[in-house]
Amino acid sequence: MLFRVSLGSGVPLAEQIAGNVRRALGDGMLSRGDRLPSARELAQTLDVNMHTVLRAYAALREDGLIELRRGRGAVVTGAVPHERAQAIESVRELVAVSRRAGIGLDEAIDLLRQQFAREVST
C-alpha cells in the first residue's frame, strides 16, 4: 500500500494518513487481516513524527476499521465492510467541503436527509 501526505495541504498529517487507509479499504486494496506498517516504520517512510502515525491509527481504530494488537501492530478488521470505509471518508470530505462553502451543521444534515429521501423514493 502506498501512503502519500502533503505538508502544504492544510489537512492534518494524521488525517491524511488515516484517509489513505480508508481509501485503500474502500478500493479493496486492503482487506480483513492485512497488516499496516508499524507506526515507527511508516513515520520513517513518510518523514513524520511517530505520534502522528499513532494518532492516525487511533482514529482508524475508533472508526472500527483496524485493531491495534500488541506485538502484531495494526491489523484490518473484518467487522466493517469496505462500503463503511468509503462512507466514513465521504462524510469527512463532506464536512470539509461544507465548511469551505460556509454550510453549517444543521444545513449539511438537512442536505444529507434530502439526499437520503431522494434515494429511497427512486
PDB file of N, CA and C in Angstrom:
ATOM      1  N   MET A   1       0.840  -1.177   0.000  1.00  0.00           N
ATOM      2  CA  MET A   1       0.000   0.000   0.000  1.00  0.00           C
ATOM      3  C   MET A   1       0.879   1.232   0.000  1.00  0.00           C
ATOM      4  N   LEU A   2       0.517   2.194  -0.798  1.00  0.00           N
ATOM      5  CA  LEU A   2       1.282   3.431  -0.915  1.00  0.00           C
ATOM      6  C   LEU A   2       0.621   4.527  -0.094  1.00  0.00           C
ATOM      7  N   PHE A   3       1.391   5.112   0.815  1.00  0.00           N
ATOM      8  CA  PHE A   3       0.908   6.229   1.621  1.00  0.00           C
ATOM      9  C   PHE A   3       1.457   7.511   1.031  1.00  0.00           C
ATOM     10  N   ARG A   4       0.592   8.517   0.963  1.00  0.00           N
ATOM     11  CA  ARG A   4       1.021   9.832   0.491  1.00  0.00           C
ATOM     12  C   ARG A   4       0.499  10.893   1.437  1.00  0.00           C
ATOM     13  N   VAL A   5       1.363  11.858   1.751  1.00  0.00           N
ATOM     14  CA  VAL A   5       0.955  13.007   2.545  1.00  0.00           C
ATOM     15  C   VAL A   5       1.509  14.257   1.892  1.00  0.00           C
ATOM     16  N   SER A   6       0.816  15.354   2.110  1.00  0.00           N
ATOM     17  CA  SER A   6       1.248  16.643   1.576  1.00  0.00           C
ATOM     18  C   SER A   6       1.337  17.629   2.729  1.00  0.00           C
ATOM     19  N   LEU A   7       2.531  18.132   2.963  1.00  0.00           N
ATOM     20  CA  LEU A   7       2.737  19.056   4.076  1.00  0.00           C
ATOM     21  C   LEU A   7       1.967  20.360   3.891  1.00  0.00           C
ATOM     22  N   GLY A   8       1.739  20.776   2.671  1.00  0.00           N
ATOM     23  CA  GLY A   8       1.087  22.051   2.409  1.00  0.00           C
ATOM     24  C   GLY A   8      -0.403  21.971   2.168  1.00  0.00           C
ATOM     25  N   SER A   9      -1.031  20.827   2.424  1.00  0.00           N
ATOM     26  CA  SER A   9      -2.441  20.669   2.061  1.00  0.00           C
ATOM     27  C   SER A   9      -3.410  21.348   3.027  1.00  0.00           C
ATOM     28  N   GLY A  10      -2.977  21.620   4.232  1.00  0.00           N
ATOM     29  CA  GLY A  10      -3.889  22.190   5.218  1.00  0.00           C
ATOM     30  C   GLY A  10      -4.658  21.133   5.992  1.00  0.00           C
ATOM     31  N   VAL A  11      -4.635  19.894   5.529  1.00  0.00           N
ATOM     32  CA  VAL A  11      -5.263  18.776   6.239  1.00  0.00           C
ATOM     33  C   VAL A  11      -4.203  18.198   7.171  1.00  0.00           C
ATOM     34  N   PRO A  12      -4.537  17.998   8.444  1.00  0.00           N
ATOM     35  CA  PRO A  12      -3.549  17.444   9.374  1.00  0.00           C
ATOM     36  C   PRO A  12      -2.963  16.130   8.850  1.00  0.00           C
ATOM     37  N   LEU A  13      -1.679  15.935   9.112  1.00  0.00           N
ATOM     38  CA  LEU A  13      -0.984  14.752   8.600  1.00  0.00           C
ATOM     39  C   LEU A  13      -1.635  13.454   9.074  1.00  0.00           C
ATOM     40  N   ALA A  14      -2.047  13.396  10.331  1.00  0.00           N
ATOM     41  CA  ALA A  14      -2.679  12.178  10.844  1.00  0.00           C
ATOM     42  C   ALA A  14      -3.946  11.863  10.055  1.00  0.00           C
ATOM     43  N   GLU A  15      -4.721  12.886   9.727  1.00  0.00           N
ATOM     44  CA  GLU A  15      -5.934  12.668   8.951  1.00  0.00           C
ATOM     45  C   GLU A  15      -5.607  12.225   7.527  1.00  0.00           C
ATOM     46  N   GLN A  16      -4.539  12.757   6.956  1.00  0.00           N
ATOM     47  CA  GLN A  16      -4.121  12.315   5.621  1.00  0.00           C
ATOM     48  C   GLN A  16      -3.744  10.836   5.636  1.00  0.00           C
ATOM     49  N   ILE A  17      -3.015  10.424   6.671  1.00  0.00           N
ATOM     50  CA  ILE A  17      -2.597   9.022   6.775  1.00  0.00           C
ATOM     51  C   ILE A  17      -3.827   8.133   6.930  1.00  0.00           C
ATOM     52  N   ALA A  18      -4.734   8.498   7.825  1.00  0.00           N
ATOM     53  CA  ALA A  18      -5.960   7.718   8.019  1.00  0.00           C
ATOM     54  C   ALA A  18      -6.778   7.680   6.724  1.00  0.00           C
ATOM     55  N   GLY A  19      -6.824   8.790   6.013  1.00  0.00           N
ATOM     56  CA  GLY A  19      -7.549   8.844   4.742  1.00  0.00           C
ATOM     57  C   GLY A  19      -6.973   7.885   3.710  1.00  0.00           C
ATOM     58  N   ASN A  20      -5.648   7.746   3.696  1.00  0.00           N
ATOM     59  CA  ASN A  20      -5.011   6.784   2.796  1.00  0.00           C
ATOM     60  C   ASN A  20      -5.526   5.375   3.065  1.00  0.00           C
ATOM     61  N   VAL A  21      -5.638   5.028   4.332  1.00  0.00           N
ATOM     62  CA  VAL A  21      -6.107   3.687   4.699  1.00  0.00           C
ATOM     63  C   VAL A  21      -7.577   3.532   4.345  1.00  0.00           C
ATOM     64  N   ARG A  22      -8.391   4.535   4.645  1.00  0.00           N
ATOM     65  CA  ARG A  22      -9.826   4.451   4.320  1.00  0.00           C
ATOM     66  C   ARG A  22     -10.038   4.262   2.819  1.00  0.00           C
ATOM     67  N   ARG A  23      -9.297   5.024   2.025  1.00  0.00           N
ATOM     68  CA  ARG A  23      -9.445   4.892   0.566  1.00  0.00           C
ATOM     69  C   ARG A  23      -8.995   3.504   0.097  1.00  0.00           C
ATOM     70  N   ALA A  24      -7.898   2.997   0.659  1.00  0.00           N
ATOM     71  CA  ALA A  24      -7.420   1.662   0.279  1.00  0.00           C
ATOM     72  C   ALA A  24      -8.447   0.589   0.653  1.00  0.00           C
ATOM     73  N   LEU A  25      -9.101   0.754   1.791  1.00  0.00           N
ATOM     74  CA  LEU A  25     -10.168  -0.172   2.177  1.00  0.00           C
ATOM     75  C   LEU A  25     -11.342  -0.056   1.218  1.00  0.00           C
ATOM     76  N   GLY A  26     -11.733   1.172   0.932  1.00  0.00           N
ATOM     77  CA  GLY A  26     -12.861   1.405   0.032  1.00  0.00           C
ATOM     78  C   GLY A  26     -12.615   0.876  -1.364  1.00  0.00           C
ATOM     79  N   ASP A  27     -11.359   0.949  -1.807  1.00  0.00           N
ATOM     80  CA  ASP A  27     -10.997   0.475  -3.148  1.00  0.00           C
ATOM     81  C   ASP A  27     -10.712  -1.023  -3.194  1.00  0.00           C
ATOM     82  N   GLY A  28     -10.718  -1.669  -2.029  1.00  0.00           N
ATOM     83  CA  GLY A  28     -10.439  -3.099  -1.986  1.00  0.00           C
ATOM     84  C   GLY A  28      -8.959  -3.439  -2.007  1.00  0.00           C
ATOM     85  N   MET A  29      -8.106  -2.442  -1.861  1.00  0.00           N
ATOM     86  CA  MET A  29      -6.657  -2.697  -1.843  1.00  0.00           C
ATOM     87  C   MET A  29      -6.217  -3.292  -0.506  1.00  0.00           C
ATOM     88  N   LEU A  30      -7.008  -3.084   0.534  1.00  0.00           N
ATOM     89  CA  LEU A  30      -6.772  -3.683   1.842  1.00  0.00           C
ATOM     90  C   LEU A  30      -7.978  -4.530   2.185  1.00  0.00           C
ATOM     91  N   SER A  31      -7.751  -5.628   2.880  1.00  0.00           N
ATOM     92  CA  SER A  31      -8.868  -6.470   3.292  1.00  0.00           C
ATOM     93  C   SER A  31      -8.601  -7.058   4.668  1.00  0.00           C
ATOM     94  N   ARG A  32      -9.585  -7.755   5.177  1.00  0.00           N
ATOM     95  CA  ARG A  32      -9.537  -8.327   6.525  1.00  0.00           C
ATOM     96  C   ARG A  32      -8.239  -9.095   6.748  1.00  0.00           C
ATOM     97  N   GLY A  33      -7.596  -8.788   7.868  1.00  0.00           N
ATOM     98  CA  GLY A  33      -6.373  -9.488   8.243  1.00  0.00           C
ATOM     99  C   GLY A  33      -5.095  -8.848   7.745  1.00  0.00           C
ATOM    100  N   ASP A  34      -5.204  -7.917   6.809  1.00  0.00           N
ATOM    101  CA  ASP A  34      -3.994  -7.243   6.320  1.00  0.00           C
ATOM    102  C   ASP A  34      -3.375  -6.419   7.439  1.00  0.00           C
ATOM    103  N   ARG A  35      -2.063  -6.415   7.468  1.00  0.00           N
ATOM    104  CA  ARG A  35      -1.340  -5.639   8.473  1.00  0.00           C
ATOM    105  C   ARG A  35      -0.848  -4.339   7.858  1.00  0.00           C
ATOM    106  N   LEU A  36      -0.982  -3.276   8.625  1.00  0.00           N
ATOM    107  CA  LEU A  36      -0.440  -1.982   8.223  1.00  0.00           C
ATOM    108  C   LEU A  36       0.998  -1.905   8.714  1.00  0.00           C
ATOM    109  N   PRO A  37       1.795  -1.032   8.112  1.00  0.00           N
ATOM    110  CA  PRO A  37       3.168  -0.879   8.592  1.00  0.00           C
ATOM    111  C   PRO A  37       3.180  -0.444  10.050  1.00  0.00           C
ATOM    112  N   SER A  38       4.246  -0.785  10.756  1.00  0.00           N
ATOM    113  CA  SER A  38       4.355  -0.325  12.139  1.00  0.00           C
ATOM    114  C   SER A  38       4.397   1.198  12.139  1.00  0.00           C
ATOM    115  N   ALA A  39       3.987   1.788  13.240  1.00  0.00           N
ATOM    116  CA  ALA A  39       3.979   3.247  13.344  1.00  0.00           C
ATOM    117  C   ALA A  39       5.380   3.798  13.117  1.00  0.00           C
ATOM    118  N   ARG A  40       6.372   3.153  13.686  1.00  0.00           N
ATOM    119  CA  ARG A  40       7.764   3.607  13.533  1.00  0.00           C
ATOM    120  C   ARG A  40       8.216   3.541  12.071  1.00  0.00           C
ATOM    121  N   GLU A  41       7.903   2.422  11.433  1.00  0.00           N
ATOM    122  CA  GLU A  41       8.287   2.239  10.028  1.00  0.00           C
ATOM    123  C   GLU A  41       7.610   3.273   9.125  1.00  0.00           C
ATOM    124  N   LEU A  42       6.303   3.463   9.313  1.00  0.00           N
ATOM    125  CA  LEU A  42       5.573   4.414   8.474  1.00  0.00           C
ATOM    126  C   LEU A  42       6.035   5.843   8.729  1.00  0.00           C
ATOM    127  N   ALA A  43       6.308   6.163   9.984  1.00  0.00           N
ATOM    128  CA  ALA A  43       6.797   7.502  10.316  1.00  0.00           C
ATOM    129  C   ALA A  43       8.123   7.770   9.615  1.00  0.00           C
ATOM    130  N   GLN A  44       9.000   6.783   9.605  1.00  0.00           N
ATOM    131  CA  GLN A  44      10.287   6.957   8.924  1.00  0.00           C
ATOM    132  C   GLN A  44      10.103   7.095   7.423  1.00  0.00           C
ATOM    133  N   THR A  45       9.219   6.285   6.859  1.00  0.00           N
ATOM    134  CA  THR A  45       8.961   6.332   5.417  1.00  0.00           C
ATOM    135  C   THR A  45       8.412   7.689   4.993  1.00  0.00           C
ATOM    136  N   LEU A  46       7.471   8.224   5.786  1.00  0.00           N
ATOM    137  CA  LEU A  46       6.822   9.492   5.438  1.00  0.00           C
ATOM    138  C   LEU A  46       7.566  10.710   5.985  1.00  0.00           C
ATOM    139  N   ASP A  47       8.574  10.466   6.806  1.00  0.00           N
ATOM    140  CA  ASP A  47       9.334  11.534   7.453  1.00  0.00           C
ATOM    141  C   ASP A  47       8.421  12.414   8.301  1.00  0.00           C
ATOM    142  N   VAL A  48       7.615  11.725   9.145  1.00  0.00           N
ATOM    143  CA  VAL A  48       6.737  12.409  10.089  1.00  0.00           C
ATOM    144  C   VAL A  48       7.004  11.841  11.475  1.00  0.00           C
ATOM    145  N   ASN A  49       6.478  12.486  12.485  1.00  0.00           N
ATOM    146  CA  ASN A  49       6.615  12.027  13.860  1.00  0.00           C
ATOM    147  C   ASN A  49       5.809  10.745  14.059  1.00  0.00           C
ATOM    148  N   MET A  50       6.356   9.814  14.831  1.00  0.00           N
ATOM    149  CA  MET A  50       5.674   8.554  15.077  1.00  0.00           C
ATOM    150  C   MET A  50       4.319   8.772  15.757  1.00  0.00           C
ATOM    151  N   HIS A  51       4.210   9.792  16.594  1.00  0.00           N
ATOM    152  CA  HIS A  51       2.941  10.065  17.266  1.00  0.00           C
ATOM    153  C   HIS A  51       1.865  10.506  16.271  1.00  0.00           C
ATOM    154  N   THR A  52       2.267  11.086  15.167  1.00  0.00           N
ATOM    155  CA  THR A  52       1.323  11.448  14.110  1.00  0.00           C
ATOM    156  C   THR A  52       0.699  10.183  13.530  1.00  0.00           C
ATOM    157  N   VAL A  53       1.525   9.186  13.270  1.00  0.00           N
ATOM    158  CA  VAL A  53       1.024   7.907  12.750  1.00  0.00           C
ATOM    159  C   VAL A  53       0.137   7.238  13.792  1.00  0.00           C
ATOM    160  N   LEU A  54       0.547   7.286  15.048  1.00  0.00           N
ATOM    161  CA  LEU A  54      -0.258   6.680  16.108  1.00  0.00           C
ATOM    162  C   LEU A  54      -1.624   7.353  16.226  1.00  0.00           C
ATOM    163  N   ARG A  55      -1.683   8.675  16.027  1.00  0.00           N
ATOM    164  CA  ARG A  55      -2.977   9.376  16.039  1.00  0.00           C
ATOM    165  C   ARG A  55      -3.849   8.894  14.882  1.00  0.00           C
ATOM    166  N   ALA A  56      -3.240   8.703  13.712  1.00  0.00           N
ATOM    167  CA  ALA A  56      -3.991   8.199  12.557  1.00  0.00           C
ATOM    168  C   ALA A  56      -4.526   6.807  12.839  1.00  0.00           C
ATOM    169  N   TYR A  57      -3.695   5.951  13.386  1.00  0.00           N
ATOM    170  CA  TYR A  57      -4.113   4.587  13.695  1.00  0.00           C
ATOM    171  C   TYR A  57      -5.208   4.583  14.757  1.00  0.00           C
ATOM    172  N   ALA A  58      -5.113   5.479  15.735  1.00  0.00           N
ATOM    173  CA  ALA A  58      -6.147   5.567  16.771  1.00  0.00           C
ATOM    174  C   ALA A  58      -7.487   5.979  16.155  1.00  0.00           C
ATOM    175  N   ALA A  59      -7.465   6.917  15.206  1.00  0.00           N
ATOM    176  CA  ALA A  59      -8.698   7.340  14.534  1.00  0.00           C
ATOM    177  C   ALA A  59      -9.303   6.183  13.749  1.00  0.00           C
ATOM    178  N   LEU A  60      -8.469   5.403  13.099  1.00  0.00           N
ATOM    179  CA  LEU A  60      -8.955   4.251  12.338  1.00  0.00           C
ATOM    180  C   LEU A  60      -9.540   3.192  13.271  1.00  0.00           C
ATOM    181  N   ARG A  61      -8.934   3.031  14.443  1.00  0.00           N
ATOM    182  CA  ARG A  61      -9.475   2.097  15.437  1.00  0.00           C
ATOM    183  C   ARG A  61     -10.835   2.580  15.915  1.00  0.00           C
ATOM    184  N   GLU A  62     -10.967   3.896  16.167  1.00  0.00           N
ATOM    185  CA  GLU A  62     -12.250   4.450  16.596  1.00  0.00           C
ATOM    186  C   GLU A  62     -13.323   4.269  15.521  1.00  0.00           C
ATOM    187  N   ASP A  63     -12.921   4.312  14.260  1.00  0.00           N
ATOM    188  CA  ASP A  63     -13.848   4.089  13.151  1.00  0.00           C
ATOM    189  C   ASP A  63     -14.235   2.614  13.024  1.00  0.00           C
ATOM    190  N   GLY A  64     -13.541   1.745  13.744  1.00  0.00           N
ATOM    191  CA  GLY A  64     -13.809   0.317  13.650  1.00  0.00           C
ATOM    192  C   GLY A  64     -13.168  -0.341  12.453  1.00  0.00           C
ATOM    193  N   LEU A  65     -12.162   0.300  11.881  1.00  0.00           N
ATOM    194  CA  LEU A  65     -11.538  -0.222  10.669  1.00  0.00           C
ATOM    195  C   LEU A  65     -10.301  -1.067  10.941  1.00  0.00           C
ATOM    196  N   ILE A  66      -9.619  -0.810  12.043  1.00  0.00           N
ATOM    197  CA  ILE A  66      -8.429  -1.593  12.384  1.00  0.00           C
ATOM    198  C   ILE A  66      -8.467  -1.956  13.863  1.00  0.00           C
ATOM    199  N   GLU A  67      -7.677  -2.950  14.196  1.00  0.00           N
ATOM    200  CA  GLU A  67      -7.409  -3.299  15.581  1.00  0.00           C
ATOM    201  C   GLU A  67      -5.932  -3.058  15.819  1.00  0.00           C
ATOM    202  N   LEU A  68      -5.605  -2.564  16.990  1.00  0.00           N
ATOM    203  CA  LEU A  68      -4.207  -2.389  17.368  1.00  0.00           C
ATOM    204  C   LEU A  68      -3.876  -3.505  18.339  1.00  0.00           C
ATOM    205  N   ARG A  69      -2.980  -4.374  17.914  1.00  0.00           N
ATOM    206  CA  ARG A  69      -2.638  -5.536  18.724  1.00  0.00           C
ATOM    207  C   ARG A  69      -1.176  -5.457  19.150  1.00  0.00           C
ATOM    208  N   ARG A  70      -0.962  -5.622  20.427  1.00  0.00           N
ATOM    209  CA  ARG A  70       0.404  -5.612  20.949  1.00  0.00           C
ATOM    210  C   ARG A  70       1.189  -6.756  20.307  1.00  0.00           C
ATOM    211  N   GLY A  71       2.309  -6.415  19.737  1.00  0.00           N
ATOM    212  CA  GLY A  71       3.152  -7.416  19.099  1.00  0.00           C
ATOM    213  C   GLY A  71       2.811  -7.686  17.642  1.00  0.00           C
ATOM    214  N   ARG A  72       1.583  -7.356  17.218  1.00  0.00           N
ATOM    215  CA  ARG A  72       1.186  -7.571  15.819  1.00  0.00           C
ATOM    216  C   ARG A  72       0.968  -6.267  15.080  1.00  0.00           C
ATOM    217  N   GLY A  73       0.814  -5.191  15.810  1.00  0.00           N
ATOM    218  CA  GLY A  73       0.617  -3.894  15.195  1.00  0.00           C
ATOM    219  C   GLY A  73      -0.814  -3.650  14.774  1.00  0.00           C
ATOM    220  N   ALA A  74      -0.986  -2.892  13.716  1.00  0.00           N
ATOM    221  CA  ALA A  74      -2.308  -2.510  13.224  1.00  0.00           C
ATOM    222  C   ALA A  74      -2.770  -3.525  12.185  1.00  0.00           C
ATOM    223  N   VAL A  75      -3.945  -4.104  12.441  1.00  0.00           N
ATOM    224  CA  VAL A  75      -4.490  -5.141  11.569  1.00  0.00           C
ATOM    225  C   VAL A  75      -5.899  -4.733  11.147  1.00  0.00           C
ATOM    226  N   VAL A  76      -6.194  -4.867   9.865  1.00  0.00           N
ATOM    227  CA  VAL A  76      -7.525  -4.543   9.345  1.00  0.00           C
ATOM    228  C   VAL A  76      -8.523  -5.549   9.886  1.00  0.00           C
ATOM    229  N   THR A  77      -9.626  -5.045  10.423  1.00  0.00           N
ATOM    230  CA  THR A  77     -10.654  -5.929  10.980  1.00  0.00           C
ATOM    231  C   THR A  77     -11.627  -6.341   9.893  1.00  0.00           C
ATOM    232  N   GLY A  78     -12.360  -7.376  10.178  1.00  0.00           N
ATOM    233  CA  GLY A  78     -13.411  -7.813   9.270  1.00  0.00           C
ATOM    234  C   GLY A  78     -14.761  -7.282   9.704  1.00  0.00           C
ATOM    235  N   ALA A  79     -14.763  -6.509  10.801  1.00  0.00           N
ATOM    236  CA  ALA A  79     -16.025  -6.049  11.371  1.00  0.00           C
ATOM    237  C   ALA A  79     -16.702  -4.986  10.522  1.00  0.00           C
ATOM    238  N   VAL A  80     -15.976  -4.285   9.704  1.00  0.00           N
ATOM    239  CA  VAL A  80     -16.535  -3.176   8.946  1.00  0.00           C
ATOM    240  C   VAL A  80     -16.300  -3.421   7.450  1.00  0.00           C
ATOM    241  N   PRO A  81     -17.370  -3.421   6.653  1.00  0.00           N
ATOM    242  CA  PRO A  81     -17.199  -3.658   5.219  1.00  0.00           C
ATOM    243  C   PRO A  81     -16.532  -2.467   4.518  1.00  0.00           C
ATOM    244  N   HIS A  82     -16.071  -2.739   3.330  1.00  0.00           N
ATOM    245  CA  HIS A  82     -15.404  -1.708   2.531  1.00  0.00           C
ATOM    246  C   HIS A  82     -16.302  -0.493   2.318  1.00  0.00           C
ATOM    247  N   GLU A  83     -17.585  -0.720   2.173  1.00  0.00           N
ATOM    248  CA  GLU A  83     -18.511   0.381   1.947  1.00  0.00           C
ATOM    249  C   GLU A  83     -18.536   1.344   3.137  1.00  0.00           C
ATOM    250  N   ARG A  84     -18.371   0.819   4.359  1.00  0.00           N
ATOM    251  CA  ARG A  84     -18.353   1.683   5.543  1.00  0.00           C
ATOM    252  C   ARG A  84     -17.130   2.587   5.507  1.00  0.00           C
ATOM    253  N   ALA A  85     -15.998   2.049   5.094  1.00  0.00           N
ATOM    254  CA  ALA A  85     -14.785   2.865   4.978  1.00  0.00           C
ATOM    255  C   ALA A  85     -15.004   3.983   3.968  1.00  0.00           C
ATOM    256  N   GLN A  86     -15.654   3.664   2.861  1.00  0.00           N
ATOM    257  CA  GLN A  86     -15.958   4.680   1.856  1.00  0.00           C
ATOM    258  C   GLN A  86     -16.892   5.734   2.429  1.00  0.00           C
ATOM    259  N   ALA A  87     -17.906   5.299   3.157  1.00  0.00           N
ATOM    260  CA  ALA A  87     -18.867   6.245   3.735  1.00  0.00           C
ATOM    261  C   ALA A  87     -18.187   7.165   4.738  1.00  0.00           C
ATOM    262  N   ILE A  88     -17.328   6.621   5.581  1.00  0.00           N
ATOM    263  CA  ILE A  88     -16.622   7.443   6.571  1.00  0.00           C
ATOM    264  C   ILE A  88     -15.763   8.488   5.874  1.00  0.00           C
ATOM    265  N   GLU A  89     -15.048   8.068   4.857  1.00  0.00           N
ATOM    266  CA  GLU A  89     -14.189   9.013   4.132  1.00  0.00           C
ATOM    267  C   GLU A  89     -15.034  10.061   3.415  1.00  0.00           C
ATOM    268  N   SER A  90     -16.159   9.658   2.841  1.00  0.00           N
ATOM    269  CA  SER A  90     -17.036  10.611   2.156  1.00  0.00           C
ATOM    270  C   SER A  90     -17.621  11.634   3.120  1.00  0.00           C
ATOM    271  N   VAL A  91     -18.002  11.187   4.306  1.00  0.00           N
ATOM    272  CA  VAL A  91     -18.541  12.113   5.304  1.00  0.00           C
ATOM    273  C   VAL A  91     -17.470  13.123   5.709  1.00  0.00           C
ATOM    274  N   ARG A  92     -16.251  12.662   5.896  1.00  0.00           N
ATOM    275  CA  ARG A  92     -15.156  13.578   6.242  1.00  0.00           C
ATOM    276  C   ARG A  92     -14.944  14.619   5.150  1.00  0.00           C
ATOM    277  N   GLU A  93     -15.024  14.172   3.900  1.00  0.00           N
ATOM    278  CA  GLU A  93     -14.878  15.108   2.778  1.00  0.00           C
ATOM    279  C   GLU A  93     -16.059  16.072   2.733  1.00  0.00           C
ATOM    280  N   LEU A  94     -17.272  15.574   3.005  1.00  0.00           N
ATOM    281  CA  LEU A  94     -18.463  16.419   3.031  1.00  0.00           C
ATOM    282  C   LEU A  94     -18.324  17.519   4.071  1.00  0.00           C
ATOM    283  N   VAL A  95     -17.822  17.175   5.238  1.00  0.00           N
ATOM    284  CA  VAL A  95     -17.628  18.166   6.299  1.00  0.00           C
ATOM    285  C   VAL A  95     -16.637  19.231   5.845  1.00  0.00           C
ATOM    286  N   ALA A  96     -15.534  18.815   5.246  1.00  0.00           N
ATOM    287  CA  ALA A  96     -14.523  19.776   4.796  1.00  0.00           C
ATOM    288  C   ALA A  96     -15.086  20.704   3.727  1.00  0.00           C
ATOM    289  N   VAL A  97     -15.788  20.151   2.748  1.00  0.00           N
ATOM    290  CA  VAL A  97     -16.364  20.960   1.671  1.00  0.00           C
ATOM    291  C   VAL A  97     -17.435  21.896   2.227  1.00  0.00           C
ATOM    292  N   SER A  98     -18.265  21.389   3.135  1.00  0.00           N
ATOM    293  CA  SER A  98     -19.318  22.214   3.732  1.00  0.00           C
ATOM    294  C   SER A  98     -18.730  23.394   4.486  1.00  0.00           C
ATOM    295  N   ARG A  99     -17.689  23.157   5.228  1.00  0.00           N
ATOM    296  CA  ARG A  99     -17.053  24.253   5.970  1.00  0.00           C
ATOM    297  C   ARG A  99     -16.499  25.306   5.024  1.00  0.00           C
ATOM    298  N   ARG A 100     -15.856  24.850   3.952  1.00  0.00           N
ATOM    299  CA  ARG A 100     -15.306  25.812   2.984  1.00  0.00           C
ATOM    300  C   ARG A 100     -16.409  26.618   2.322  1.00  0.00           C
ATOM    301  N   ALA A 101     -17.578  25.983   2.143  1.00  0.00           N
ATOM    302  CA  ALA A 101     -18.707  26.644   1.474  1.00  0.00           C
ATOM    303  C   ALA A 101     -19.549  27.468   2.441  1.00  0.00           C
ATOM    304  N   GLY A 102     -19.201  27.429   3.719  1.00  0.00           N
ATOM    305  CA  GLY A 102     -19.968  28.182   4.702  1.00  0.00           C
ATOM    306  C   GLY A 102     -21.274  27.527   5.093  1.00  0.00           C
ATOM    307  N   ILE A 103     -21.376  26.228   4.856  1.00  0.00           N
ATOM    308  CA  ILE A 103     -22.586  25.486   5.210  1.00  0.00           C
ATOM    309  C   ILE A 103     -22.418  24.974   6.624  1.00  0.00           C
ATOM    310  N   GLY A 104     -23.363  25.290   7.494  1.00  0.00           N
ATOM    311  CA  GLY A 104     -23.320  24.859   8.884  1.00  0.00           C
ATOM    312  C   GLY A 104     -23.794  23.433   9.053  1.00  0.00           C
ATOM    313  N   LEU A 105     -23.647  22.936  10.264  1.00  0.00           N
ATOM    314  CA  LEU A 105     -24.007  21.556  10.574  1.00  0.00           C
ATOM    315  C   LEU A 105     -25.478  21.268  10.271  1.00  0.00           C
ATOM    316  N   ASP A 106     -26.377  22.125  10.731  1.00  0.00           N
ATOM    317  CA  ASP A 106     -27.806  21.880  10.524  1.00  0.00           C
ATOM    318  C   ASP A 106     -28.155  21.824   9.047  1.00  0.00           C
ATOM    319  N   GLU A 107     -27.605  22.759   8.273  1.00  0.00           N
ATOM    320  CA  GLU A 107     -27.891  22.762   6.837  1.00  0.00           C
ATOM    321  C   GLU A 107     -27.301  21.532   6.154  1.00  0.00           C
ATOM    322  N   ALA A 108     -26.106  21.135   6.563  1.00  0.00           N
ATOM    323  CA  ALA A 108     -25.481  19.941   5.978  1.00  0.00           C
ATOM    324  C   ALA A 108     -26.311  18.696   6.288  1.00  0.00           C
ATOM    325  N   ILE A 109     -26.816  18.609   7.501  1.00  0.00           N
ATOM    326  CA  ILE A 109     -27.658  17.469   7.877  1.00  0.00           C
ATOM    327  C   ILE A 109     -28.942  17.470   7.060  1.00  0.00           C
ATOM    328  N   ASP A 110     -29.530  18.660   6.860  1.00  0.00           N
ATOM    329  CA  ASP A 110     -30.735  18.763   6.024  1.00  0.00           C
ATOM    330  C   ASP A 110     -30.457  18.296   4.602  1.00  0.00           C
ATOM    331  N   LEU A 111     -29.323  18.710   4.056  1.00  0.00           N
ATOM    332  CA  LEU A 111     -28.957  18.290   2.700  1.00  0.00           C
ATOM    333  C   LEU A 111     -28.784  16.775   2.627  1.00  0.00           C
ATOM    334  N   LEU A 112     -28.176  16.211   3.636  1.00  0.00           N
ATOM    335  CA  LEU A 112     -27.976  14.763   3.680  1.00  0.00           C
ATOM    336  C   LEU A 112     -29.312  14.037   3.781  1.00  0.00           C
ATOM    337  N   ARG A 113     -30.197  14.550   4.618  1.00  0.00           N
ATOM    338  CA  ARG A 113     -31.536  13.942   4.742  1.00  0.00           C
ATOM    339  C   ARG A 113     -32.293  14.006   3.418  1.00  0.00           C
ATOM    340  N   GLN A 114     -32.199  15.146   2.739  1.00  0.00           N
ATOM    341  CA  GLN A 114     -32.867  15.289   1.445  1.00  0.00           C
ATOM    342  C   GLN A 114     -32.347  14.263   0.454  1.00  0.00           C
ATOM    343  N   GLN A 115     -31.038  14.063   0.451  1.00  0.00           N
ATOM    344  CA  GLN A 115     -30.449  13.101  -0.479  1.00  0.00           C
ATOM    345  C   GLN A 115     -30.886  11.677  -0.129  1.00  0.00           C
ATOM    346  N   PHE A 116     -30.910  11.352   1.157  1.00  0.00           N
ATOM    347  CA  PHE A 116     -31.392  10.034   1.568  1.00  0.00           C
ATOM    348  C   PHE A 116     -32.828   9.841   1.109  1.00  0.00           C
ATOM    349  N   ALA A 117     -33.675  10.874   1.271  1.00  0.00           N
ATOM    350  CA  ALA A 117     -35.071  10.783   0.864  1.00  0.00           C
ATOM    351  C   ALA A 117     -35.194  10.565  -0.642  1.00  0.00           C
ATOM    352  N   ARG A 118     -34.348  11.240  -1.412  1.00  0.00           N
ATOM    353  CA  ARG A 118     -34.373  11.048  -2.880  1.00  0.00           C
ATOM    354  C   ARG A 118     -33.998   9.628  -3.243  1.00  0.00           C
ATOM    355  N   GLU A 119     -32.999   9.078  -2.567  1.00  0.00           N
ATOM    356  CA  GLU A 119     -32.529   7.709  -2.877  1.00  0.00           C
ATOM    357  C   GLU A 119     -33.591   6.680  -2.530  1.00  0.00           C
ATOM    358  N   VAL A 120     -34.325   6.908  -1.471  1.00  0.00           N
ATOM    359  CA  VAL A 120     -35.378   5.969  -1.052  1.00  0.00           C
ATOM    360  C   VAL A 120     -36.537   5.997  -2.036  1.00  0.00           C
ATOM    361  N   SER A 121     -36.852   7.182  -2.545  1.00  0.00           N
ATOM    362  CA  SER A 121     -38.014   7.311  -3.429  1.00  0.00           C
ATOM    363  C   SER A 121     -37.720   6.884  -4.864  1.00  0.00           C
ATOM    364  N   THR A 122     -36.474   6.657  -5.197  1.00  0.00           N
ATOM    365  CA  THR A 122     -36.175   6.241  -6.581  1.00  0.00           C
ATOM    366  C   THR A 122     -36.038   4.765  -6.733  1.00  0.00           C
TER     367      THR A 122
END
